[in-house]
């Protein structure tokens, strides 16, 4: 009897922790999204996206020092990207070389299990800033304020979510140490080439001026992929990520029938519970649903954003962008990623 009580109790604690974390994510992204839209934010998904990454990265609220360090890292990265874009935006070869170096550093940190959500968030910043700075000159001077607002709102949303849905003080949630492994230089180099090609296509094609969802989707999927897994698992990965785009299209259609902030709040809350709850689970599928939530926030945010030119693209076009980005990332990773070394089988003499 006592032998069964331990596993059952641990399972119940894990389920309760997952529910609390999923509820925090849903509340943070829905409240943050509404405030961003109400305040007229040009990129309304940025704060909720940061908050979701912060909340999914830990079962405990981020300490003040770590939060300030994370915010400082993102702001420094944004400021550096602004200076880089302004100085070398017209020198395409040099600019792409700097981007490649930044992308390589982030992917190398991801391949070794270091950096947590910081590596992905720096990637997002290094994608958004060049696209807005080069393709939308009117927004070049406001990029830093957009990043500051996004980082501060994401941090405040994280702490507010823990205040509303705290962890029970009697339960000590053991923090899972990051899985460290030897960095894969070849994989990081391949990921850099894949993402850099996607960013270059968007920068050189005026029709893709607001298609930042393409390189962000590519970066998100590259962080989830494992070519060593089965083809069926890779196909499921694409389907789950595409689900985020489909949900965004359905959500926007519902919003057009009742265009008000309360309906928008309910829509984002329901989707946040659906995807955030699965992303909060301690399972191999958690990364897929976190990616789907990222895609939903970006697509839905672009749909309601006052960003110049964003209204000209239909949701059908944006979902096509996501599908193309997912297939592109999957195929190019299968072609460029180094093959895992197979140890020869040992037979008894």
C-alpha atoms as a PDB file:
ATOM      1  CA  UNK A   1       0.000   0.000   0.000  1.00  0.00           C
ATOM      2  CA  UNK A   2       2.753   2.419   0.976  1.00  0.00           C
ATOM      3  CA  UNK A   3       4.731   1.512  -2.133  1.00  0.00           C
ATOM      4  CA  UNK A   4       1.928   2.747  -4.392  1.00  0.00           C
ATOM      5  CA  UNK A   5       1.256   5.900  -2.398  1.00  0.00           C
ATOM      6  CA  UNK A   6       4.598   7.460  -3.274  1.00  0.00           C
ATOM      7  CA  UNK A   7       4.294   7.328  -7.099  1.00  0.00           C
ATOM      8  CA  UNK A   8       0.621   8.302  -6.999  1.00  0.00           C
ATOM      9  CA  UNK A   9       1.375  11.256  -4.731  1.00  0.00           C
ATOM     10  CA  UNK A  10       4.259  12.383  -6.945  1.00  0.00           C
ATOM     11  CA  UNK A  11       2.055  12.098 -10.029  1.00  0.00           C
ATOM     12  CA  UNK A  12      -0.653  14.201  -8.384  1.00  0.00           C
ATOM     13  CA  UNK A  13       1.882  16.855  -7.418  1.00  0.00           C
ATOM     14  CA  UNK A  14       3.235  16.943 -10.982  1.00  0.00           C
ATOM     15  CA  UNK A  15      -0.258  17.305 -12.468  1.00  0.00           C
ATOM     16  CA  UNK A  16      -1.159  20.093 -10.037  1.00  0.00           C
ATOM     17  CA  UNK A  17       2.107  21.877 -10.843  1.00  0.00           C
ATOM     18  CA  UNK A  18       1.401  21.579 -14.573  1.00  0.00           C
ATOM     19  CA  UNK A  19      -2.083  23.034 -14.142  1.00  0.00           C
ATOM     20  CA  UNK A  20      -0.779  25.980 -12.122  1.00  0.00           C
ATOM     21  CA  UNK A  21       1.947  26.696 -14.657  1.00  0.00           C
ATOM     22  CA  UNK A  22      -0.486  26.418 -17.575  1.00  0.00           C
ATOM     23  CA  UNK A  23      -2.947  28.745 -15.844  1.00  0.00           C
ATOM     24  CA  UNK A  24      -0.185  31.293 -15.235  1.00  0.00           C
ATOM     25  CA  UNK A  25       0.792  31.209 -18.895  1.00  0.00           C
ATOM     26  CA  UNK A  26      -2.815  31.604 -20.038  1.00  0.00           C
ATOM     27  CA  UNK A  27      -3.489  34.511 -17.679  1.00  0.00           C
ATOM     28  CA  UNK A  28      -0.220  36.273 -18.523  1.00  0.00           C
ATOM     29  CA  UNK A  29      -0.595  36.085 -22.306  1.00  0.00           C
ATOM     30  CA  UNK A  30      -4.302  37.006 -22.306  1.00  0.00           C
ATOM     31  CA  UNK A  31      -4.001  39.965 -19.913  1.00  0.00           C
ATOM     32  CA  UNK A  32      -0.774  41.129 -21.533  1.00  0.00           C
ATOM     33  CA  UNK A  33      -2.248  40.876 -25.005  1.00  0.00           C
ATOM     34  CA  UNK A  34      -5.307  42.925 -24.065  1.00  0.00           C
ATOM     35  CA  UNK A  35      -3.252  45.685 -22.435  1.00  0.00           C
ATOM     36  CA  UNK A  36      -0.897  45.800 -25.422  1.00  0.00           C
ATOM     37  CA  UNK A  37      -3.762  46.144 -27.899  1.00  0.00           C
ATOM     38  CA  UNK A  38      -5.574  48.679 -25.688  1.00  0.00           C
ATOM     39  CA  UNK A  39      -2.441  50.815 -25.427  1.00  0.00           C
ATOM     40  CA  UNK A  40      -1.927  50.708 -29.204  1.00  0.00           C
ATOM     41  CA  UNK A  41       1.314  48.680 -29.145  1.00  0.00           C
ATOM     42  CA  UNK A  42       2.777  48.218 -32.624  1.00  0.00           C
ATOM     43  CA  UNK A  43       3.976  44.688 -31.790  1.00  0.00           C
ATOM     44  CA  UNK A  44       1.368  43.506 -29.256  1.00  0.00           C
ATOM     45  CA  UNK A  45       2.620  39.939 -29.087  1.00  0.00           C
ATOM     46  CA  UNK A  46       6.112  40.798 -27.809  1.00  0.00           C
ATOM     47  CA  UNK A  47       5.322  41.227 -24.086  1.00  0.00           C
ATOM     48  CA  UNK A  48       3.082  38.127 -23.888  1.00  0.00           C
ATOM     49  CA  UNK A  49       5.710  36.133 -25.800  1.00  0.00           C
ATOM     50  CA  UNK A  50       8.432  37.115 -23.333  1.00  0.00           C
ATOM     51  CA  UNK A  51       6.127  36.365 -20.377  1.00  0.00           C
ATOM     52  CA  UNK A  52       5.280  32.895 -21.736  1.00  0.00           C
ATOM     53  CA  UNK A  53       8.967  32.067 -22.188  1.00  0.00           C
ATOM     54  CA  UNK A  54       9.793  33.252 -18.665  1.00  0.00           C
ATOM     55  CA  UNK A  55       6.930  31.246 -17.126  1.00  0.00           C
ATOM     56  CA  UNK A  56       7.603  28.058 -19.066  1.00  0.00           C
ATOM     57  CA  UNK A  57      11.300  28.208 -18.223  1.00  0.00           C
ATOM     58  CA  UNK A  58      10.819  27.687 -14.478  1.00  0.00           C
ATOM     59  CA  UNK A  59       8.337  26.479 -11.878  1.00  0.00           C
ATOM     60  CA  UNK A  60       9.296  29.328  -9.554  1.00  0.00           C
ATOM     61  CA  UNK A  61       9.162  33.094 -10.119  1.00  0.00           C
ATOM     62  CA  UNK A  62      12.360  34.472 -11.579  1.00  0.00           C
ATOM     63  CA  UNK A  63      14.382  36.268  -8.864  1.00  0.00           C
ATOM     64  CA  UNK A  64      14.766  40.008  -9.222  1.00  0.00           C
ATOM     65  CA  UNK A  65      18.459  39.776 -10.047  1.00  0.00           C
ATOM     66  CA  UNK A  66      17.952  37.132 -12.726  1.00  0.00           C
ATOM     67  CA  UNK A  67      14.975  39.008 -14.177  1.00  0.00           C
ATOM     68  CA  UNK A  68      16.992  42.207 -14.389  1.00  0.00           C
ATOM     69  CA  UNK A  69      19.842  40.284 -15.984  1.00  0.00           C
ATOM     70  CA  UNK A  70      17.506  38.729 -18.559  1.00  0.00           C
ATOM     71  CA  UNK A  71      15.944  42.110 -19.320  1.00  0.00           C
ATOM     72  CA  UNK A  72      19.370  43.714 -19.617  1.00  0.00           C
ATOM     73  CA  UNK A  73      20.534  40.969 -21.984  1.00  0.00           C
ATOM     74  CA  UNK A  74      17.551  41.421 -24.282  1.00  0.00           C
ATOM     75  CA  UNK A  75      17.827  45.214 -24.229  1.00  0.00           C
ATOM     76  CA  UNK A  76      21.569  45.134 -24.912  1.00  0.00           C
ATOM     77  CA  UNK A  77      20.948  42.692 -27.749  1.00  0.00           C
ATOM     78  CA  UNK A  78      18.248  44.978 -29.146  1.00  0.00           C
ATOM     79  CA  UNK A  79      20.417  48.080 -28.849  1.00  0.00           C
ATOM     80  CA  UNK A  80      23.340  46.270 -30.469  1.00  0.00           C
ATOM     81  CA  UNK A  81      21.113  45.085 -33.311  1.00  0.00           C
ATOM     82  CA  UNK A  82      19.829  48.633 -33.823  1.00  0.00           C
ATOM     83  CA  UNK A  83      23.373  49.995 -34.089  1.00  0.00           C
ATOM     84  CA  UNK A  84      24.361  47.110 -36.342  1.00  0.00           C
ATOM     85  CA  UNK A  85      21.355  47.618 -38.617  1.00  0.00           C
ATOM     86  CA  UNK A  86      21.932  51.348 -38.827  1.00  0.00           C
ATOM     87  CA  UNK A  87      25.664  51.029 -39.534  1.00  0.00           C
ATOM     88  CA  UNK A  88      25.711  48.027 -41.885  1.00  0.00           C
ATOM     89  CA  UNK A  89      22.148  47.711 -43.173  1.00  0.00           C
ATOM     90  CA  UNK A  90      23.241  48.981 -46.591  1.00  0.00           C
ATOM     91  CA  UNK A  91      26.307  46.712 -46.706  1.00  0.00           C
ATOM     92  CA  UNK A  92      24.522  43.450 -47.248  1.00  0.00           C
ATOM     93  CA  UNK A  93      27.463  41.028 -47.113  1.00  0.00           C
ATOM     94  CA  UNK A  94      28.917  42.524 -43.919  1.00  0.00           C
ATOM     95  CA  UNK A  95      25.503  42.769 -42.279  1.00  0.00           C
ATOM     96  CA  UNK A  96      24.680  39.124 -43.011  1.00  0.00           C
ATOM     97  CA  UNK A  97      28.045  38.050 -41.605  1.00  0.00           C
ATOM     98  CA  UNK A  98      27.262  39.806 -38.304  1.00  0.00           C
ATOM     99  CA  UNK A  99      23.807  38.216 -38.241  1.00  0.00           C
ATOM    100  CA  UNK A 100      25.341  34.811 -38.890  1.00  0.00           C
ATOM    101  CA  UNK A 101      27.709  35.259 -35.955  1.00  0.00           C
ATOM    102  CA  UNK A 102      24.849  36.189 -33.604  1.00  0.00           C
ATOM    103  CA  UNK A 103      22.638  33.331 -34.789  1.00  0.00           C
ATOM    104  CA  UNK A 104      25.512  30.863 -34.480  1.00  0.00           C
ATOM    105  CA  UNK A 105      26.187  31.919 -30.878  1.00  0.00           C
ATOM    106  CA  UNK A 106      22.517  31.436 -29.924  1.00  0.00           C
ATOM    107  CA  UNK A 107      22.205  28.063 -31.636  1.00  0.00           C
ATOM    108  CA  UNK A 108      25.471  26.901 -30.066  1.00  0.00           C
ATOM    109  CA  UNK A 109      24.119  27.786 -26.618  1.00  0.00           C
ATOM    110  CA  UNK A 110      20.910  25.880 -27.401  1.00  0.00           C
ATOM    111  CA  UNK A 111      22.792  22.798 -28.599  1.00  0.00           C
ATOM    112  CA  UNK A 112      24.696  22.598 -25.317  1.00  0.00           C
ATOM    113  CA  UNK A 113      21.562  23.069 -23.192  1.00  0.00           C
ATOM    114  CA  UNK A 114      22.682  26.449 -21.846  1.00  0.00           C
ATOM    115  CA  UNK A 115      20.927  29.787 -21.805  1.00  0.00           C
ATOM    116  CA  UNK A 116      17.376  28.563 -21.239  1.00  0.00           C
ATOM    117  CA  UNK A 117      14.797  30.840 -22.888  1.00  0.00           C
ATOM    118  CA  UNK A 118      17.385  33.622 -23.244  1.00  0.00           C
ATOM    119  CA  UNK A 119      18.926  32.115 -26.392  1.00  0.00           C
ATOM    120  CA  UNK A 120      15.561  31.929 -28.188  1.00  0.00           C
ATOM    121  CA  UNK A 121      14.541  35.420 -27.071  1.00  0.00           C
ATOM    122  CA  UNK A 122      17.809  36.900 -28.328  1.00  0.00           C
ATOM    123  CA  UNK A 123      17.143  35.129 -31.636  1.00  0.00           C
ATOM    124  CA  UNK A 124      13.683  36.728 -31.779  1.00  0.00           C
ATOM    125  CA  UNK A 125      15.201  40.153 -31.122  1.00  0.00           C
ATOM    126  CA  UNK A 126      17.903  39.566 -33.750  1.00  0.00           C
ATOM    127  CA  UNK A 127      15.152  38.738 -36.255  1.00  0.00           C
ATOM    128  CA  UNK A 128      12.630  41.473 -35.473  1.00  0.00           C
ATOM    129  CA  UNK A 129      15.050  44.410 -35.242  1.00  0.00           C
ATOM    130  CA  UNK A 130      16.626  43.998 -38.727  1.00  0.00           C
ATOM    131  CA  UNK A 131      13.241  43.363 -40.369  1.00  0.00           C
ATOM    132  CA  UNK A 132      11.630  46.412 -38.787  1.00  0.00           C
ATOM    133  CA  UNK A 133      14.725  48.587 -39.105  1.00  0.00           C
ATOM    134  CA  UNK A 134      15.312  47.924 -42.813  1.00  0.00           C
ATOM    135  CA  UNK A 135      11.860  47.239 -44.216  1.00  0.00           C
ATOM    136  CA  UNK A 136       9.935  49.755 -42.089  1.00  0.00           C
ATOM    137  CA  UNK A 137      12.032  52.923 -41.901  1.00  0.00           C
ATOM    138  CA  UNK A 138       9.276  54.757 -40.039  1.00  0.00           C
ATOM    139  CA  UNK A 139       9.679  52.363 -37.110  1.00  0.00           C
ATOM    140  CA  UNK A 140      13.481  52.478 -36.973  1.00  0.00           C
ATOM    141  CA  UNK A 141      13.539  55.066 -34.171  1.00  0.00           C
ATOM    142  CA  UNK A 142      10.891  53.312 -32.078  1.00  0.00           C
ATOM    143  CA  UNK A 143      12.373  49.810 -32.082  1.00  0.00           C
ATOM    144  CA  UNK A 144      14.162  50.330 -28.754  1.00  0.00           C
ATOM    145  CA  UNK A 145      10.976  51.578 -27.049  1.00  0.00           C
ATOM    146  CA  UNK A 146       9.128  48.535 -28.458  1.00  0.00           C
ATOM    147  CA  UNK A 147      11.737  46.207 -26.942  1.00  0.00           C
ATOM    148  CA  UNK A 148      11.779  48.061 -23.593  1.00  0.00           C
ATOM    149  CA  UNK A 149       7.995  47.868 -23.367  1.00  0.00           C
ATOM    150  CA  UNK A 150       8.026  44.192 -24.333  1.00  0.00           C
ATOM    151  CA  UNK A 151      10.689  43.211 -21.789  1.00  0.00           C
ATOM    152  CA  UNK A 152       9.195  45.221 -18.920  1.00  0.00           C
ATOM    153  CA  UNK A 153       5.639  44.056 -19.595  1.00  0.00           C
ATOM    154  CA  UNK A 154       6.784  40.436 -19.946  1.00  0.00           C
ATOM    155  CA  UNK A 155       8.609  40.603 -16.605  1.00  0.00           C
ATOM    156  CA  UNK A 156       5.691  42.274 -14.816  1.00  0.00           C
ATOM    157  CA  UNK A 157       3.252  39.758 -16.295  1.00  0.00           C
ATOM    158  CA  UNK A 158       5.422  36.902 -15.023  1.00  0.00           C
ATOM    159  CA  UNK A 159       5.472  38.217 -11.454  1.00  0.00           C
ATOM    160  CA  UNK A 160       1.744  39.064 -11.569  1.00  0.00           C
ATOM    161  CA  UNK A 161       0.932  35.533 -12.746  1.00  0.00           C
ATOM    162  CA  UNK A 162       2.843  34.054  -9.790  1.00  0.00           C
ATOM    163  CA  UNK A 163       1.079  36.467  -7.446  1.00  0.00           C
ATOM    164  CA  UNK A 164      -2.350  35.344  -8.703  1.00  0.00           C
ATOM    165  CA  UNK A 165      -1.476  31.629  -8.960  1.00  0.00           C
ATOM    166  CA  UNK A 166       1.324  31.031  -6.433  1.00  0.00           C
ATOM    167  CA  UNK A 167       3.117  27.792  -5.733  1.00  0.00           C
ATOM    168  CA  UNK A 168       2.056  26.184  -2.429  1.00  0.00           C
ATOM    169  CA  UNK A 169       4.723  26.972   0.174  1.00  0.00           C
ATOM    170  CA  UNK A 170       4.451  23.465   1.639  1.00  0.00           C
ATOM    171  CA  UNK A 171       5.447  21.836  -1.637  1.00  0.00           C
ATOM    172  CA  UNK A 172       9.069  22.176  -2.612  1.00  0.00           C
ATOM    173  CA  UNK A 173       9.180  21.947  -6.356  1.00  0.00           C
ATOM    174  CA  UNK A 174      12.564  20.595  -7.301  1.00  0.00           C
ATOM    175  CA  UNK A 175      14.080  22.601 -10.077  1.00  0.00           C
ATOM    176  CA  UNK A 176      15.177  20.383 -12.917  1.00  0.00           C
ATOM    177  CA  UNK A 177      18.812  21.093 -13.794  1.00  0.00           C
ATOM    178  CA  UNK A 178      19.375  21.894 -17.450  1.00  0.00           C
ATOM    179  CA  UNK A 179      20.520  18.989 -19.575  1.00  0.00           C
ATOM    180  CA  UNK A 180      24.067  19.919 -20.477  1.00  0.00           C
ATOM    181  CA  UNK A 181      25.849  18.247 -23.345  1.00  0.00           C
ATOM    182  CA  UNK A 182      28.778  18.857 -25.617  1.00  0.00           C
ATOM    183  CA  UNK A 183      27.980  21.731 -28.016  1.00  0.00           C
ATOM    184  CA  UNK A 184      27.355  20.641 -31.592  1.00  0.00           C
ATOM    185  CA  UNK A 185      29.254  23.110 -33.763  1.00  0.00           C
ATOM    186  CA  UNK A 186      28.128  21.505 -37.014  1.00  0.00           C
ATOM    187  CA  UNK A 187      24.465  21.566 -36.003  1.00  0.00           C
ATOM    188  CA  UNK A 188      24.733  25.192 -34.865  1.00  0.00           C
ATOM    189  CA  UNK A 189      26.402  26.067 -38.169  1.00  0.00           C
ATOM    190  CA  UNK A 190      23.667  24.299 -40.138  1.00  0.00           C
ATOM    191  CA  UNK A 191      20.937  26.057 -38.124  1.00  0.00           C
ATOM    192  CA  UNK A 192      22.663  29.380 -38.758  1.00  0.00           C
ATOM    193  CA  UNK A 193      22.651  28.798 -42.519  1.00  0.00           C
ATOM    194  CA  UNK A 194      18.977  27.756 -42.459  1.00  0.00           C
ATOM    195  CA  UNK A 195      17.802  30.779 -40.449  1.00  0.00           C
ATOM    196  CA  UNK A 196      20.057  33.251 -42.253  1.00  0.00           C
ATOM    197  CA  UNK A 197      18.629  32.159 -45.601  1.00  0.00           C
ATOM    198  CA  UNK A 198      15.071  32.727 -44.324  1.00  0.00           C
ATOM    199  CA  UNK A 199      15.946  36.181 -42.963  1.00  0.00           C
ATOM    200  CA  UNK A 200      17.710  37.103 -46.204  1.00  0.00           C
ATOM    201  CA  UNK A 201      14.670  36.164 -48.279  1.00  0.00           C
ATOM    202  CA  UNK A 202      12.450  38.376 -46.109  1.00  0.00           C
ATOM    203  CA  UNK A 203      14.911  41.282 -46.247  1.00  0.00           C
ATOM    204  CA  UNK A 204      15.247  41.183 -50.032  1.00  0.00           C
ATOM    205  CA  UNK A 205      11.574  40.672 -50.916  1.00  0.00           C
ATOM    206  CA  UNK A 206       9.287  43.678 -50.465  1.00  0.00           C
ATOM    207  CA  UNK A 207       6.228  41.395 -50.460  1.00  0.00           C
ATOM    208  CA  UNK A 208       7.524  39.769 -47.254  1.00  0.00           C
ATOM    209  CA  UNK A 209       8.034  43.055 -45.400  1.00  0.00           C
ATOM    210  CA  UNK A 210       5.751  42.006 -42.521  1.00  0.00           C
ATOM    211  CA  UNK A 211       6.404  38.256 -42.749  1.00  0.00           C
ATOM    212  CA  UNK A 212       8.562  38.125 -39.608  1.00  0.00           C
ATOM    213  CA  UNK A 213       6.605  35.009 -38.692  1.00  0.00           C
ATOM    214  CA  UNK A 214       8.633  33.057 -41.278  1.00  0.00           C
ATOM    215  CA  UNK A 215      12.104  33.354 -39.685  1.00  0.00           C
ATOM    216  CA  UNK A 216      10.684  33.225 -36.135  1.00  0.00           C
ATOM    217  CA  UNK A 217       8.873  29.997 -37.015  1.00  0.00           C
ATOM    218  CA  UNK A 218      12.081  28.600 -38.493  1.00  0.00           C
ATOM    219  CA  UNK A 219      14.042  29.519 -35.344  1.00  0.00           C
ATOM    220  CA  UNK A 220      11.361  28.006 -33.118  1.00  0.00           C
ATOM    221  CA  UNK A 221      11.203  24.727 -35.035  1.00  0.00           C
ATOM    222  CA  UNK A 222      14.981  24.344 -35.161  1.00  0.00           C
ATOM    223  CA  UNK A 223      14.959  24.461 -31.371  1.00  0.00           C
ATOM    224  CA  UNK A 224      12.410  21.632 -31.249  1.00  0.00           C
ATOM    225  CA  UNK A 225      13.631  19.340 -33.991  1.00  0.00           C
ATOM    226  CA  UNK A 226      15.414  16.089 -33.458  1.00  0.00           C
ATOM    227  CA  UNK A 227      16.216  14.495 -36.786  1.00  0.00           C
ATOM    228  CA  UNK A 228      17.170  11.307 -34.970  1.00  0.00           C
ATOM    229  CA  UNK A 229      13.501  10.742 -34.137  1.00  0.00           C
ATOM    230  CA  UNK A 230      11.063   9.040 -36.456  1.00  0.00           C
ATOM    231  CA  UNK A 231       9.488  10.596 -39.508  1.00  0.00           C
ATOM    232  CA  UNK A 232       6.085  10.289 -37.867  1.00  0.00           C
ATOM    233  CA  UNK A 233       7.291  12.357 -34.910  1.00  0.00           C
ATOM    234  CA  UNK A 234       8.663  15.015 -37.275  1.00  0.00           C
ATOM    235  CA  UNK A 235       5.334  15.125 -39.107  1.00  0.00           C
ATOM    236  CA  UNK A 236       3.507  15.505 -35.792  1.00  0.00           C
ATOM    237  CA  UNK A 237       5.857  18.341 -34.890  1.00  0.00           C
ATOM    238  CA  UNK A 238       4.868  20.222 -38.050  1.00  0.00           C
ATOM    239  CA  UNK A 239       1.149  19.582 -37.484  1.00  0.00           C
ATOM    240  CA  UNK A 240       1.199  20.807 -33.872  1.00  0.00           C
ATOM    241  CA  UNK A 241       3.093  23.978 -34.819  1.00  0.00           C
ATOM    242  CA  UNK A 242       0.720  24.579 -37.727  1.00  0.00           C
ATOM    243  CA  UNK A 243      -2.121  24.238 -35.233  1.00  0.00           C
ATOM    244  CA  UNK A 244      -1.029  27.565 -33.750  1.00  0.00           C
ATOM    245  CA  UNK A 245      -1.606  29.272 -37.103  1.00  0.00           C
ATOM    246  CA  UNK A 246      -4.983  27.601 -37.613  1.00  0.00           C
ATOM    247  CA  UNK A 247      -6.111  28.638 -34.129  1.00  0.00           C
ATOM    248  CA  UNK A 248      -4.998  32.202 -34.838  1.00  0.00           C
ATOM    249  CA  UNK A 249      -7.087  32.262 -38.026  1.00  0.00           C
ATOM    250  CA  UNK A 250     -10.157  30.892 -36.216  1.00  0.00           C
ATOM    251  CA  UNK A 251      -9.626  33.328 -33.349  1.00  0.00           C
ATOM    252  CA  UNK A 252      -9.412  36.301 -35.707  1.00  0.00           C
ATOM    253  CA  UNK A 253     -12.601  35.193 -37.498  1.00  0.00           C
ATOM    254  CA  UNK A 254     -14.444  35.022 -34.175  1.00  0.00           C
ATOM    255  CA  UNK A 255     -13.069  38.417 -33.196  1.00  0.00           C
ATOM    256  CA  UNK A 256     -14.386  40.025 -36.379  1.00  0.00           C
ATOM    257  CA  UNK A 257     -17.893  38.927 -35.368  1.00  0.00           C
ATOM    258  CA  UNK A 258     -17.556  40.533 -31.913  1.00  0.00           C
ATOM    259  CA  UNK A 259     -14.701  43.058 -32.143  1.00  0.00           C
ATOM    260  CA  UNK A 260     -14.169  44.066 -28.519  1.00  0.00           C
ATOM    261  CA  UNK A 261     -11.482  43.607 -25.897  1.00  0.00           C
ATOM    262  CA  UNK A 262     -13.497  41.226 -23.719  1.00  0.00           C
ATOM    263  CA  UNK A 263     -13.992  38.750 -26.565  1.00  0.00           C
ATOM    264  CA  UNK A 264     -10.309  39.090 -27.428  1.00  0.00           C
ATOM    265  CA  UNK A 265      -9.416  38.331 -23.800  1.00  0.00           C
ATOM    266  CA  UNK A 266     -11.590  35.201 -23.766  1.00  0.00           C
ATOM    267  CA  UNK A 267     -10.124  33.993 -27.058  1.00  0.00           C
ATOM    268  CA  UNK A 268      -6.504  34.363 -25.964  1.00  0.00           C
ATOM    269  CA  UNK A 269      -7.307  32.888 -22.530  1.00  0.00           C
ATOM    270  CA  UNK A 270      -8.875  29.742 -24.030  1.00  0.00           C
ATOM    271  CA  UNK A 271      -6.035  29.244 -26.499  1.00  0.00           C
ATOM    272  CA  UNK A 272      -3.527  29.949 -23.726  1.00  0.00           C
ATOM    273  CA  UNK A 273      -5.105  27.246 -21.576  1.00  0.00           C
ATOM    274  CA  UNK A 274      -5.174  24.810 -24.482  1.00  0.00           C
ATOM    275  CA  UNK A 275      -1.591  25.294 -25.664  1.00  0.00           C
ATOM    276  CA  UNK A 276       0.018  26.671 -22.507  1.00  0.00           C
ATOM    277  CA  UNK A 277      -1.250  23.776 -20.404  1.00  0.00           C
ATOM    278  CA  UNK A 278       0.376  21.260 -22.737  1.00  0.00           C
ATOM    279  CA  UNK A 279       3.533  23.359 -22.982  1.00  0.00           C
ATOM    280  CA  UNK A 280       3.807  23.329 -19.182  1.00  0.00           C
ATOM    281  CA  UNK A 281       3.903  19.531 -19.014  1.00  0.00           C
ATOM    282  CA  UNK A 282       7.103  17.691 -18.232  1.00  0.00           C
ATOM    283  CA  UNK A 283       7.119  15.748 -21.467  1.00  0.00           C
ATOM    284  CA  UNK A 284       8.901  15.639 -24.796  1.00  0.00           C
ATOM    285  CA  UNK A 285       5.858  17.230 -26.459  1.00  0.00           C
ATOM    286  CA  UNK A 286       6.030  20.389 -24.312  1.00  0.00           C
ATOM    287  CA  UNK A 287       8.354  22.183 -26.735  1.00  0.00           C
ATOM    288  CA  UNK A 288       5.981  21.568 -29.636  1.00  0.00           C
ATOM    289  CA  UNK A 289       3.043  23.212 -27.879  1.00  0.00           C
ATOM    290  CA  UNK A 290       5.248  26.089 -26.718  1.00  0.00           C
ATOM    291  CA  UNK A 291       6.132  26.609 -30.384  1.00  0.00           C
ATOM    292  CA  UNK A 292       2.462  26.474 -31.372  1.00  0.00           C
ATOM    293  CA  UNK A 293       1.679  29.097 -28.717  1.00  0.00           C
ATOM    294  CA  UNK A 294       4.469  31.297 -30.094  1.00  0.00           C
ATOM    295  CA  UNK A 295       3.061  31.043 -33.620  1.00  0.00           C
ATOM    296  CA  UNK A 296      -0.465  31.798 -32.386  1.00  0.00           C
ATOM    297  CA  UNK A 297       0.658  34.924 -30.518  1.00  0.00           C
ATOM    298  CA  UNK A 298       2.627  36.230 -33.490  1.00  0.00           C
ATOM    299  CA  UNK A 299      -0.075  35.608 -36.099  1.00  0.00           C
ATOM    300  CA  UNK A 300      -2.949  36.843 -33.960  1.00  0.00           C
ATOM    301  CA  UNK A 301      -0.849  39.814 -32.882  1.00  0.00           C
ATOM    302  CA  UNK A 302      -0.058  40.750 -36.482  1.00  0.00           C
ATOM    303  CA  UNK A 303      -3.761  40.500 -37.297  1.00  0.00           C
ATOM    304  CA  UNK A 304      -4.721  43.156 -34.752  1.00  0.00           C
ATOM    305  CA  UNK A 305      -1.496  45.163 -34.971  1.00  0.00           C
ATOM    306  CA  UNK A 306      -1.315  48.712 -36.374  1.00  0.00           C
ATOM    307  CA  UNK A 307       1.998  47.714 -38.003  1.00  0.00           C
ATOM    308  CA  UNK A 308       2.125  49.294 -41.483  1.00  0.00           C
ATOM    309  CA  UNK A 309       1.244  46.767 -44.150  1.00  0.00           C
ATOM    310  CA  UNK A 310       0.183  43.994 -41.762  1.00  0.00           C
ATOM    311  CA  UNK A 311      -3.497  44.397 -42.601  1.00  0.00           C
ATOM    312  CA  UNK A 312      -2.812  43.783 -46.283  1.00  0.00           C
ATOM    313  CA  UNK A 313      -1.997  40.123 -45.662  1.00  0.00           C
ATOM    314  CA  UNK A 314      -4.855  37.729 -45.088  1.00  0.00           C
ATOM    315  CA  UNK A 315      -4.661  35.001 -42.486  1.00  0.00           C
ATOM    316  CA  UNK A 316      -4.647  32.456 -45.289  1.00  0.00           C
ATOM    317  CA  UNK A 317      -1.428  34.033 -46.553  1.00  0.00           C
ATOM    318  CA  UNK A 318       0.084  34.039 -43.065  1.00  0.00           C
ATOM    319  CA  UNK A 319      -0.773  30.375 -42.500  1.00  0.00           C
ATOM    320  CA  UNK A 320       0.852  29.587 -45.844  1.00  0.00           C
ATOM    321  CA  UNK A 321       3.927  31.464 -44.577  1.00  0.00           C
ATOM    322  CA  UNK A 322       3.955  29.296 -41.449  1.00  0.00           C
ATOM    323  CA  UNK A 323       3.472  26.071 -43.404  1.00  0.00           C
ATOM    324  CA  UNK A 324       6.263  26.963 -45.829  1.00  0.00           C
ATOM    325  CA  UNK A 325       8.561  27.920 -42.948  1.00  0.00           C
ATOM    326  CA  UNK A 326       7.871  24.640 -41.125  1.00  0.00           C
ATOM    327  CA  UNK A 327       8.441  22.476 -44.195  1.00  0.00           C
ATOM    328  CA  UNK A 328      11.523  24.473 -45.158  1.00  0.00           C
ATOM    329  CA  UNK A 329      13.062  24.106 -41.684  1.00  0.00           C
ATOM    330  CA  UNK A 330      12.272  20.382 -41.563  1.00  0.00           C
ATOM    331  CA  UNK A 331      13.701  19.583 -44.994  1.00  0.00           C
ATOM    332  CA  UNK A 332      16.817  21.729 -44.711  1.00  0.00           C
ATOM    333  CA  UNK A 333      17.569  20.364 -41.233  1.00  0.00           C
ATOM    334  CA  UNK A 334      17.249  16.829 -42.584  1.00  0.00           C
ATOM    335  CA  UNK A 335      19.711  17.713 -45.345  1.00  0.00           C
ATOM    336  CA  UNK A 336      22.234  19.828 -43.423  1.00  0.00           C
ATOM    337  CA  UNK A 337      22.273  18.463 -39.894  1.00  0.00           C
ATOM    338  CA  UNK A 338      25.174  16.098 -39.160  1.00  0.00           C
ATOM    339  CA  UNK A 339      24.156  12.470 -38.957  1.00  0.00           C
ATOM    340  CA  UNK A 340      24.310  10.919 -35.469  1.00  0.00           C
ATOM    341  CA  UNK A 341      27.182   8.532 -35.040  1.00  0.00           C
ATOM    342  CA  UNK A 342      26.056   4.938 -34.623  1.00  0.00           C
ATOM    343  CA  UNK A 343      28.157   2.802 -32.343  1.00  0.00           C
ATOM    344  CA  UNK A 344      28.924  -0.628 -33.841  1.00  0.00           C
ATOM    345  CA  UNK A 345      27.215  -3.505 -32.125  1.00  0.00           C
ATOM    346  CA  UNK A 346      29.396  -5.730 -29.996  1.00  0.00           C
ATOM    347  CA  UNK A 347      28.857  -9.447 -30.202  1.00  0.00           C
ATOM    348  CA  UNK A 348      30.176 -11.997 -27.740  1.00  0.00           C
ATOM    349  CA  UNK A 349      33.054 -14.107 -28.923  1.00  0.00           C
END
